[in-house]
C-alpha atoms as a PDB file:
ATOM      1  CA  MET A   1      -4.435   5.635-103.936  1.00  0.00           C
ATOM      2  CA  VAL A   2      -2.260   6.947-106.782  1.00  0.00           C
ATOM      3  CA  ALA A   3       0.044   9.978-106.598  1.00  0.00           C
ATOM      4  CA  TYR A   4       1.748  11.538-109.608  1.00  0.00           C
ATOM      5  CA  LEU A   5       5.086  13.187-109.067  1.00  0.00           C
ATOM      6  CA  HIS A   6       8.620  13.261-110.415  1.00  0.00           C
ATOM      7  CA  TYR A   7       8.267  12.932-114.199  1.00  0.00           C
ATOM      8  CA  LEU A   8       4.622  11.925-113.735  1.00  0.00           C
ATOM      9  CA  THR A   9       5.594   8.556-112.306  1.00  0.00           C
ATOM     10  CA  PRO A  10       2.439   6.995-110.856  1.00  0.00           C
ATOM     11  CA  ILE A  11       2.915   5.619-107.370  1.00  0.00           C
ATOM     12  CA  SER A  12       0.176   3.289-106.215  1.00  0.00           C
ATOM     13  CA  ILE A  13      -0.255   2.246-102.608  1.00  0.00           C
ATOM     14  CA  ASN A  14      -2.813  -0.287-101.474  1.00  0.00           C
ATOM     15  CA  THR A  15      -4.306   1.364 -98.388  1.00  0.00           C
ATOM     16  CA  LYS A  16      -7.158  -1.128 -97.955  1.00  0.00           C
ATOM     17  CA  ASN A  17      -5.838  -2.762 -94.775  1.00  0.00           C
ATOM     18  CA  LEU A  18      -3.711   0.134 -93.516  1.00  0.00           C
ATOM     19  CA  ASP A  19      -4.643   2.917 -91.137  1.00  0.00           C
ATOM     20  CA  ILE A  20      -2.844   6.240 -90.767  1.00  0.00           C
ATOM     21  CA  ILE A  21      -0.407   4.848 -88.214  1.00  0.00           C
ATOM     22  CA  ASP A  22       0.533   1.925 -90.469  1.00  0.00           C
ATOM     23  CA  LEU A  23       1.069   4.366 -93.341  1.00  0.00           C
ATOM     24  CA  ALA A  24       3.131   6.701 -91.155  1.00  0.00           C
ATOM     25  CA  GLU A  25       5.312   3.816 -89.935  1.00  0.00           C
ATOM     26  CA  ARG A  26       5.936   2.790 -93.554  1.00  0.00           C
ATOM     27  CA  CYS A  27       6.817   6.385 -94.336  1.00  0.00           C
ATOM     28  CA  GLU A  28       9.232   6.388 -91.407  1.00  0.00           C
ATOM     29  CA  LEU A  29      10.931   3.285 -92.799  1.00  0.00           C
ATOM     30  CA  LEU A  30      11.205   4.897 -96.235  1.00  0.00           C
ATOM     31  CA  THR A  31      12.865   8.005 -94.778  1.00  0.00           C
ATOM     32  CA  ASP A  32      15.269   5.814 -92.792  1.00  0.00           C
ATOM     33  CA  ILE A  33      16.332   4.224 -96.089  1.00  0.00           C
ATOM     34  CA  LEU A  34      16.411   7.599 -97.850  1.00  0.00           C
ATOM     35  CA  ILE A  35      18.776   9.143 -95.318  1.00  0.00           C
ATOM     36  CA  ASP A  36      21.384   6.456 -96.114  1.00  0.00           C
ATOM     37  CA  SER A  37      20.921   6.410 -99.877  1.00  0.00           C
ATOM     38  CA  GLU A  38      23.488   7.998-102.163  1.00  0.00           C
ATOM     39  CA  ASN A  39      21.936   6.820-105.436  1.00  0.00           C
ATOM     40  CA  PRO A  40      19.978   9.692-107.095  1.00  0.00           C
ATOM     41  CA  ALA A  41      17.512   7.350-108.813  1.00  0.00           C
ATOM     42  CA  GLU A  42      16.840   5.486-105.569  1.00  0.00           C
ATOM     43  CA  CYS A  43      16.397   8.786-103.716  1.00  0.00           C
ATOM     44  CA  ALA A  44      13.874   9.977-106.300  1.00  0.00           C
ATOM     45  CA  ALA A  45      11.923   6.717-106.063  1.00  0.00           C
ATOM     46  CA  LEU A  46      11.954   6.835-102.252  1.00  0.00           C
ATOM     47  CA  CYS A  47      10.772  10.461-102.293  1.00  0.00           C
ATOM     48  CA  ASN A  48       7.906   9.501-104.609  1.00  0.00           C
ATOM     49  CA  TYR A  49       6.855   6.760-102.195  1.00  0.00           C
ATOM     50  CA  VAL A  50       7.176   9.055 -99.174  1.00  0.00           C
ATOM     51  CA  TYR A  51       5.004  11.637-100.928  1.00  0.00           C
ATOM     52  CA  ALA A  52       2.385   9.024-101.852  1.00  0.00           C
ATOM     53  CA  HIS A  53       2.276   7.681 -98.285  1.00  0.00           C
ATOM     54  CA  ILE A  54       1.895  11.188 -96.851  1.00  0.00           C
ATOM     55  CA  GLU A  55      -0.910  11.862 -99.344  1.00  0.00           C
ATOM     56  CA  ALA A  56      -2.631   8.650 -98.218  1.00  0.00           C
ATOM     57  CA  ILE A  57      -2.263   9.708 -94.579  1.00  0.00           C
ATOM     58  CA  LYS A  58      -3.844  13.086 -95.349  1.00  0.00           C
ATOM     59  CA  GLU A  59      -6.750  11.407 -97.148  1.00  0.00           C
ATOM     60  CA  ASN A  60      -7.373   9.108 -94.193  1.00  0.00           C
ATOM     61  CA  LEU A  61      -6.867  11.454 -91.230  1.00  0.00           C
ATOM     62  CA  ASP A  62     -10.613  11.839 -90.696  1.00  0.00           C
ATOM     63  CA  LYS A  63     -11.469   8.153 -91.044  1.00  0.00           C
ATOM     64  CA  PRO A  64     -12.314   6.236 -87.878  1.00  0.00           C
ATOM     65  CA  LEU A  65      -9.678   4.025 -86.304  1.00  0.00           C
ATOM     66  CA  SER A  66     -10.222   0.359 -85.537  1.00  0.00           C
ATOM     67  CA  ALA A  67     -11.217  -0.686 -82.036  1.00  0.00           C
ATOM     68  CA  ALA A  68      -7.798  -2.296 -81.572  1.00  0.00           C
ATOM     69  CA  ARG A  69      -6.024   0.922 -82.590  1.00  0.00           C
ATOM     70  CA  ILE A  70      -8.248   2.991 -80.296  1.00  0.00           C
ATOM     71  CA  GLU A  71      -7.308   0.671 -77.438  1.00  0.00           C
ATOM     72  CA  GLN A  72      -3.604   1.207 -78.224  1.00  0.00           C
ATOM     73  CA  LEU A  73      -4.147   4.964 -78.100  1.00  0.00           C
ATOM     74  CA  SER A  74      -6.150   4.919 -74.858  1.00  0.00           C
ATOM     75  CA  VAL A  75      -5.160   5.745 -71.279  1.00  0.00           C
ATOM     76  CA  ASP A  76      -6.947   5.162 -67.979  1.00  0.00           C
ATOM     77  CA  ASP A  77      -6.511   8.637 -66.541  1.00  0.00           C
ATOM     78  CA  PRO A  78      -6.482  12.079 -68.201  1.00  0.00           C
ATOM     79  CA  SER A  79      -3.222  12.868 -66.398  1.00  0.00           C
ATOM     80  CA  GLU A  80      -1.575  10.218 -68.594  1.00  0.00           C
ATOM     81  CA  PHE A  81      -2.099  12.291 -71.732  1.00  0.00           C
ATOM     82  CA  PRO A  82       1.334  13.612 -72.730  1.00  0.00           C
ATOM     83  CA  GLU A  83       1.886  17.313 -73.184  1.00  0.00           C
ATOM     84  CA  ALA A  84       2.059  18.504 -76.770  1.00  0.00           C
ATOM     85  CA  LYS A  85       5.636  18.451 -78.045  1.00  0.00           C
ATOM     86  CA  TRP A  86       5.055  19.947 -81.464  1.00  0.00           C
ATOM     87  CA  LEU A  87       3.333  23.142 -82.504  1.00  0.00           C
ATOM     88  CA  ALA A  88       1.733  21.612 -85.594  1.00  0.00           C
ATOM     89  CA  ASP A  89      -1.076  19.102 -85.978  1.00  0.00           C
ATOM     90  CA  SER A  90      -0.881  15.981 -88.132  1.00  0.00           C
ATOM     91  CA  ASP A  91      -2.348  17.714 -91.171  1.00  0.00           C
ATOM     92  CA  ASP A  92       0.278  20.486 -90.997  1.00  0.00           C
ATOM     93  CA  LEU A  93       3.057  17.923 -90.489  1.00  0.00           C
ATOM     94  CA  CYS A  94       1.866  16.124 -93.633  1.00  0.00           C
ATOM     95  CA  ASP A  95       2.022  19.402 -95.559  1.00  0.00           C
ATOM     96  CA  TYR A  96       5.541  20.097 -94.278  1.00  0.00           C
ATOM     97  CA  CYS A  97       6.675  16.580 -95.239  1.00  0.00           C
ATOM     98  CA  GLN A  98       5.260  16.984 -98.732  1.00  0.00           C
ATOM     99  CA  ALA A  99       6.900  20.385 -99.186  1.00  0.00           C
ATOM    100  CA  VAL A 100      10.315  19.012 -98.227  1.00  0.00           C
ATOM    101  CA  THR A 101       9.765  15.968-100.456  1.00  0.00           C
ATOM    102  CA  ARG A 102       8.924  18.224-103.427  1.00  0.00           C
ATOM    103  CA  ALA A 103      12.120  20.200-102.790  1.00  0.00           C
ATOM    104  CA  LEU A 104      14.111  16.947-102.712  1.00  0.00           C
ATOM    105  CA  LEU A 105      12.563  15.827-105.994  1.00  0.00           C
ATOM    106  CA  CYS A 106      13.840  18.954-107.745  1.00  0.00           C
ATOM    107  CA  ARG A 107      17.374  17.542-107.421  1.00  0.00           C
ATOM    108  CA  SER A 108      18.796  20.963-108.276  1.00  0.00           C
ATOM    109  CA  LEU A 109      20.118  21.829-104.834  1.00  0.00           C
ATOM    110  CA  PRO A 110      23.677  21.391-103.615  1.00  0.00           C
ATOM    111  CA  LEU A 111      24.481  17.972-102.147  1.00  0.00           C
ATOM    112  CA  LYS A 112      24.879  19.363 -98.617  1.00  0.00           C
ATOM    113  CA  THR A 113      21.426  21.001 -98.816  1.00  0.00           C
ATOM    114  CA  MET A 114      19.907  17.761-100.115  1.00  0.00           C
ATOM    115  CA  GLN A 115      21.400  15.878 -97.175  1.00  0.00           C
ATOM    116  CA  GLN A 116      20.045  18.481 -94.761  1.00  0.00           C
ATOM    117  CA  LEU A 117      16.586  18.242 -96.324  1.00  0.00           C
ATOM    118  CA  ASN A 118      16.737  14.441 -96.089  1.00  0.00           C
ATOM    119  CA  GLY A 119      17.443  14.845 -92.376  1.00  0.00           C
ATOM    120  CA  LEU A 120      14.645  17.387 -91.982  1.00  0.00           C
ATOM    121  CA  LEU A 121      12.196  15.084 -93.770  1.00  0.00           C
ATOM    122  CA  MET A 122      13.178  12.204 -91.505  1.00  0.00           C
ATOM    123  CA  ARG A 123      12.645  14.356 -88.389  1.00  0.00           C
ATOM    124  CA  LEU A 124       9.279  15.620 -89.666  1.00  0.00           C
ATOM    125  CA  VAL A 125       8.108  12.089 -90.431  1.00  0.00           C
ATOM    126  CA  ASN A 126       9.283  10.936 -86.996  1.00  0.00           C
ATOM    127  CA  ALA A 127       7.327  13.808 -85.419  1.00  0.00           C
ATOM    128  CA  LEU A 128       4.265  12.810 -87.461  1.00  0.00           C
ATOM    129  CA  VAL A 129       4.527   9.189 -86.304  1.00  0.00           C
ATOM    130  CA  ASP A 130       4.945  10.303 -82.696  1.00  0.00           C
ATOM    131  CA  ASP A 131       1.940  12.616 -83.024  1.00  0.00           C
ATOM    132  CA  LEU A 132      -0.249   9.910 -84.534  1.00  0.00           C
ATOM    133  CA  LYS A 133       0.779   7.392 -81.853  1.00  0.00           C
ATOM    134  CA  THR A 134       0.172   9.778 -78.971  1.00  0.00           C
ATOM    135  CA  PRO A 135      -2.588   8.547 -76.645  1.00  0.00           C
ATOM    136  CA  ARG A 136      -5.768  10.488 -77.309  1.00  0.00           C
ATOM    137  CA  PHE A 137      -8.590   8.400 -75.887  1.00  0.00           C
ATOM    138  CA  LEU A 138      -9.748   7.875 -72.314  1.00  0.00           C
ATOM    139  CA  ARG A 139     -10.827   4.389 -71.303  1.00  0.00           C
ATOM    140  CA  THR A 140     -14.142   4.247 -69.545  1.00  0.00           C
ATOM    141  CA  VAL A 141     -15.103   1.809 -66.836  1.00  0.00           C
ATOM    142  CA  ASN A 142     -18.306  -0.094 -67.496  1.00  0.00           C
ATOM    143  CA  VAL A 143     -20.335  -0.298 -64.318  1.00  0.00           C
ATOM    144  CA  ALA A 144     -22.972  -3.036 -64.338  1.00  0.00           C
END
């Protein structure tokens, strides 16, 4: 997967062995680094990688998960499904993350606004990770 952003810098991510949760967790790590970075060049590079990871997540949202991942996201009883905490689905959260990342890449905003957008991006990515890791499958009992 290749994304072109900031000065047409190609960002390539090998998604072969990664599912959407792996990609989202990487994105979460990138935003954790971004929030602490004060170097404009590093921030731009991190934003490019965040954008590319979000794009990869969007491209893979409809792909089936592995059996191991389905087991991680499974519960025994429907009452164990958590209540929705966010009003947006994963696809919308990806769009919001990309919009904030594009704003950050402009680098024309005041420093305080950039810091606030970094914080917003981190919170959106955290919400995306939480949404993707929310149990969504019900285990069935095999009766012989």
